[in-house]
Every structure is written in structure tokens, then in C-alpha cells.
């Protein structure tokens, strides 16, 4: 809670009001695509893995299906995002900012390992994965 009180004034001073607003606008737009690609797989995936926990063949099939589905959603989201950025002049002017922030969608997809680890429950990995994710979120 203290970190935003320190970083927001610094970011506003460095980026200016317009740049800070641009980054937040791009972030808000990209977060719609994060939700689209996530599609609730974190919750549903954990539930499904718990149901097939002892059947490695079904688990392998389940993981493959979920990855393929999310990759398909990522491709669709990327195409829609590209069209939106290319169609609107204001977005096209700052396409690099939007593209850099769109990487969050890919990062969210790579976060899929979290539900797989949580579902299988090797607590040793979960013990180390959660702090590493928190450090990564802090550094973003």
C-alpha cells in the first residue's frame, strides 16, 4: 500500500500527465484481453485436475486441451487487438505503448502453470512459486 504512494508521483513527474494517462488507458484496454484469454481456466482447471488427479492420461489430455484453447483465445485476442490499434488513430499513434502493455496478456497465459501446480498439490513447488510470482508482480 505504501509503494503506490511513492511510485505514482514519480511516474507522473517522469511521464507527465499525458504519458501517465496513456499508459493507464492502454493498461485498461489490455486488461479486457487478459480477462478474455483467462476465460476462467484458473478456477475450472483446478477443479478438473482435482477430479482426475490419479489418472495421468486424463490429466495430460486436460492440460493439452486447456493450453490449446487458451492459445486459440490468445490468437483471437491478438488479432482483435491489432485491428483496434490499427483502426483508431489515437491508438495507432502510440502503438508501441499498447504493444508493450499487451505483453501482459502473454504473461497471464504463461501464468497457467500456477493452476496446474495448485491442482496437483506438490506443496514444495507452491511454497516457492507464490513468492516468486509476488516478486514478479512487485517488479512490474
Protein backbone atom coordinates (compact mmCIF):
# COMPACT_ATOMS: atom_id res chain seq x y z
CA UNK A 1 0.00 0.00 0.00
CA UNK A 2 2.93 2.33 0.51
CA UNK A 3 4.56 1.57 -2.85
CA UNK A 4 1.89 3.33 -4.97
CA UNK A 5 2.22 6.42 -2.78
CA UNK A 6 5.89 6.54 -3.74
CA UNK A 7 5.73 5.42 -7.37
CA UNK A 8 2.68 7.34 -8.65
CA UNK A 9 4.12 10.82 -8.06
CA UNK A 10 7.42 9.70 -9.58
CA UNK A 11 5.73 8.21 -12.65
CA UNK A 12 3.58 11.31 -13.13
CA UNK A 13 6.65 13.52 -12.88
CA UNK A 14 8.67 11.39 -15.33
CA UNK A 15 5.90 10.56 -17.83
CA UNK A 16 3.85 13.70 -17.42
CA UNK A 17 0.09 13.72 -17.06
CA UNK A 18 -0.47 12.81 -20.69
CA UNK A 19 2.01 9.92 -20.67
CA UNK A 20 0.69 8.57 -17.38
CA UNK A 21 -2.85 8.73 -18.73
CA UNK A 22 -1.75 6.98 -21.94
CA UNK A 23 -0.17 4.12 -20.01
CA UNK A 24 -3.24 3.71 -17.82
CA UNK A 25 -5.58 3.83 -20.82
CA UNK A 26 -3.52 1.17 -22.60
CA UNK A 27 -3.47 -0.93 -19.45
CA UNK A 28 -7.25 -0.70 -19.10
CA UNK A 29 -7.71 -1.75 -22.73
CA UNK A 30 -5.30 -4.67 -22.40
CA UNK A 31 -6.93 -5.91 -19.19
CA UNK A 32 -10.08 -6.68 -21.19
CA UNK A 33 -8.00 -9.03 -23.30
CA UNK A 34 -6.39 -10.56 -20.21
CA UNK A 35 -9.85 -11.47 -18.93
CA UNK A 36 -10.81 -12.82 -22.35
CA UNK A 37 -7.75 -15.08 -22.60
CA UNK A 38 -8.00 -16.18 -18.97
CA UNK A 39 -11.61 -17.28 -19.55
CA UNK A 40 -11.86 -18.73 -16.03
CA UNK A 41 -9.35 -21.51 -16.66
CA UNK A 42 -7.69 -20.85 -13.32
CA UNK A 43 -10.77 -21.99 -11.40
CA UNK A 44 -12.15 -24.57 -13.80
CA UNK A 45 -8.73 -26.06 -14.46
CA UNK A 46 -8.04 -26.62 -10.78
CA UNK A 47 -11.44 -28.26 -10.33
CA UNK A 48 -10.97 -30.54 -13.36
CA UNK A 49 -7.46 -31.57 -12.32
CA UNK A 50 -8.68 -32.43 -8.84
CA UNK A 51 -11.27 -34.74 -10.42
CA UNK A 52 -8.64 -36.62 -12.48
CA UNK A 53 -5.77 -36.38 -10.01
CA UNK A 54 -4.79 -40.07 -10.16
CA UNK A 55 -5.24 -40.60 -13.91
CA UNK A 56 -2.14 -39.28 -15.69
CA UNK A 57 -3.55 -39.91 -19.16
CA UNK A 58 -6.64 -37.79 -18.48
CA UNK A 59 -4.50 -35.13 -16.80
CA UNK A 60 -2.23 -34.93 -19.82
CA UNK A 61 -5.22 -34.63 -22.13
CA UNK A 62 -6.79 -31.99 -19.89
CA UNK A 63 -3.62 -29.88 -19.80
CA UNK A 64 -3.22 -30.13 -23.56
CA UNK A 65 -6.83 -29.14 -24.22
CA UNK A 66 -6.65 -26.16 -21.89
CA UNK A 67 -3.36 -24.95 -23.40
CA UNK A 68 -4.65 -25.26 -26.96
CA UNK A 69 -7.88 -23.47 -26.04
CA UNK A 70 -6.01 -20.64 -24.40
CA UNK A 71 -3.57 -20.35 -27.28
CA UNK A 72 -6.54 -20.08 -29.63
CA UNK A 73 -8.03 -17.37 -27.42
CA UNK A 74 -4.64 -15.60 -27.45
CA UNK A 75 -4.55 -15.63 -31.25
CA UNK A 76 -8.10 -14.26 -31.43
CA UNK A 77 -7.30 -11.59 -28.83
CA UNK A 78 -4.13 -10.58 -30.67
CA UNK A 79 -5.99 -10.21 -33.95
CA UNK A 80 -8.78 -8.16 -32.38
CA UNK A 81 -6.25 -6.01 -30.52
CA UNK A 82 -4.25 -5.40 -33.72
CA UNK A 83 -7.39 -4.36 -35.59
CA UNK A 84 -8.43 -1.99 -32.79
CA UNK A 85 -4.98 -0.39 -32.64
CA UNK A 86 -4.79 -0.02 -36.42
CA UNK A 87 -8.29 1.37 -36.86
CA UNK A 88 -8.19 4.14 -34.26
CA UNK A 89 -5.73 6.95 -35.00
CA UNK A 90 -5.04 7.84 -31.35
CA UNK A 91 -4.12 4.24 -30.60
CA UNK A 92 -2.08 3.92 -33.77
CA UNK A 93 -0.02 6.99 -32.83
CA UNK A 94 1.14 5.23 -29.65
CA UNK A 95 1.17 1.65 -30.91
CA UNK A 96 4.45 0.82 -29.17
CA UNK A 97 2.98 1.59 -25.74
CA UNK A 98 -0.05 -0.56 -26.47
CA UNK A 99 2.09 -3.38 -27.82
CA UNK A 100 4.40 -3.37 -24.80
CA UNK A 101 1.46 -3.46 -22.41
CA UNK A 102 -0.23 -6.21 -24.48
CA UNK A 103 2.64 -8.45 -23.34
CA UNK A 104 0.64 -8.74 -20.09
CA UNK A 105 -1.79 -11.00 -21.96
CA UNK A 106 1.05 -13.35 -22.81
CA UNK A 107 2.33 -13.16 -19.24
CA UNK A 108 -1.10 -14.14 -17.96
CA UNK A 109 -1.12 -17.10 -20.32
CA UNK A 110 2.27 -18.20 -19.02
CA UNK A 111 0.86 -17.96 -15.50
CA UNK A 112 -1.19 -21.06 -16.31
CA UNK A 113 1.39 -23.17 -14.58
CA UNK A 114 0.03 -21.81 -11.31
CA UNK A 115 -3.32 -23.60 -11.59
CA UNK A 116 -1.59 -26.78 -12.73
CA UNK A 117 0.72 -26.70 -9.73
CA UNK A 118 -2.12 -25.82 -7.34
CA UNK A 119 -4.26 -28.63 -8.65
CA UNK A 120 -1.62 -31.34 -8.38
CA UNK A 121 -0.62 -30.03 -4.94
CA UNK A 122 3.11 -30.52 -4.67
CA UNK A 123 3.30 -28.03 -1.85
CA UNK A 124 7.05 -27.66 -2.09
CA UNK A 125 6.69 -26.02 -5.53
CA UNK A 126 3.70 -23.97 -4.45
CA UNK A 127 5.70 -22.74 -1.48
CA UNK A 128 8.35 -21.31 -3.83
CA UNK A 129 6.15 -20.36 -6.77
CA UNK A 130 3.88 -17.95 -4.89
CA UNK A 131 6.68 -15.72 -3.51
CA UNK A 132 8.37 -15.67 -6.91
CA UNK A 133 5.09 -14.58 -8.54
CA UNK A 134 4.66 -11.86 -5.90
CA UNK A 135 8.19 -10.59 -6.55
CA UNK A 136 7.46 -10.57 -10.27
CA UNK A 137 4.25 -8.63 -9.74
CA UNK A 138 6.07 -6.17 -7.48
CA UNK A 139 8.75 -5.54 -10.10
CA UNK A 140 6.24 -4.94 -12.93
